[in-house]
Amino acid sequence: MGIPLWKIAITYLLNLK
């Protein structure tokens, strides 16, 4: 599958800051 879910989660958390 394209993008791993863990990478999406990390990116999301980084965007919260």
C-alpha atoms as a PDB file:
ATOM      1  CA  MET A   1       0.000   0.000   0.000  1.00  0.00           C
ATOM      2  CA  GLY A   2       1.110   3.561  -0.719  1.00  0.00           C
ATOM      3  CA  ILE A   3       1.836   5.366   2.546  1.00  0.00           C
ATOM      4  CA  PRO A   4       2.232   3.469   5.853  1.00  0.00           C
ATOM      5  CA  LEU A   5      -0.284   4.344   8.561  1.00  0.00           C
ATOM      6  CA  TRP A   6       2.485   4.967  11.082  1.00  0.00           C
ATOM      7  CA  LYS A   7       3.964   7.630   8.840  1.00  0.00           C
ATOM      8  CA  ILE A   8       0.591   9.319   8.538  1.00  0.00           C
ATOM      9  CA  ALA A   9       0.235   9.253  12.323  1.00  0.00           C
ATOM     10  CA  ILE A  10       3.688  10.780  12.845  1.00  0.00           C
ATOM     11  CA  THR A  11       3.029  13.502  10.283  1.00  0.00           C
ATOM     12  CA  TYR A  12      -0.311  14.255  11.916  1.00  0.00           C
ATOM     13  CA  LEU A  13       1.239  14.565  15.365  1.00  0.00           C
ATOM     14  CA  LEU A  14       3.985  16.828  14.018  1.00  0.00           C
ATOM     15  CA  ASN A  15       1.368  19.048  12.395  1.00  0.00           C
ATOM     16  CA  LEU A  16      -0.384  19.497  15.742  1.00  0.00           C
ATOM     17  CA  LYS A  17       2.646  21.315  17.138  1.00  0.00           C
END
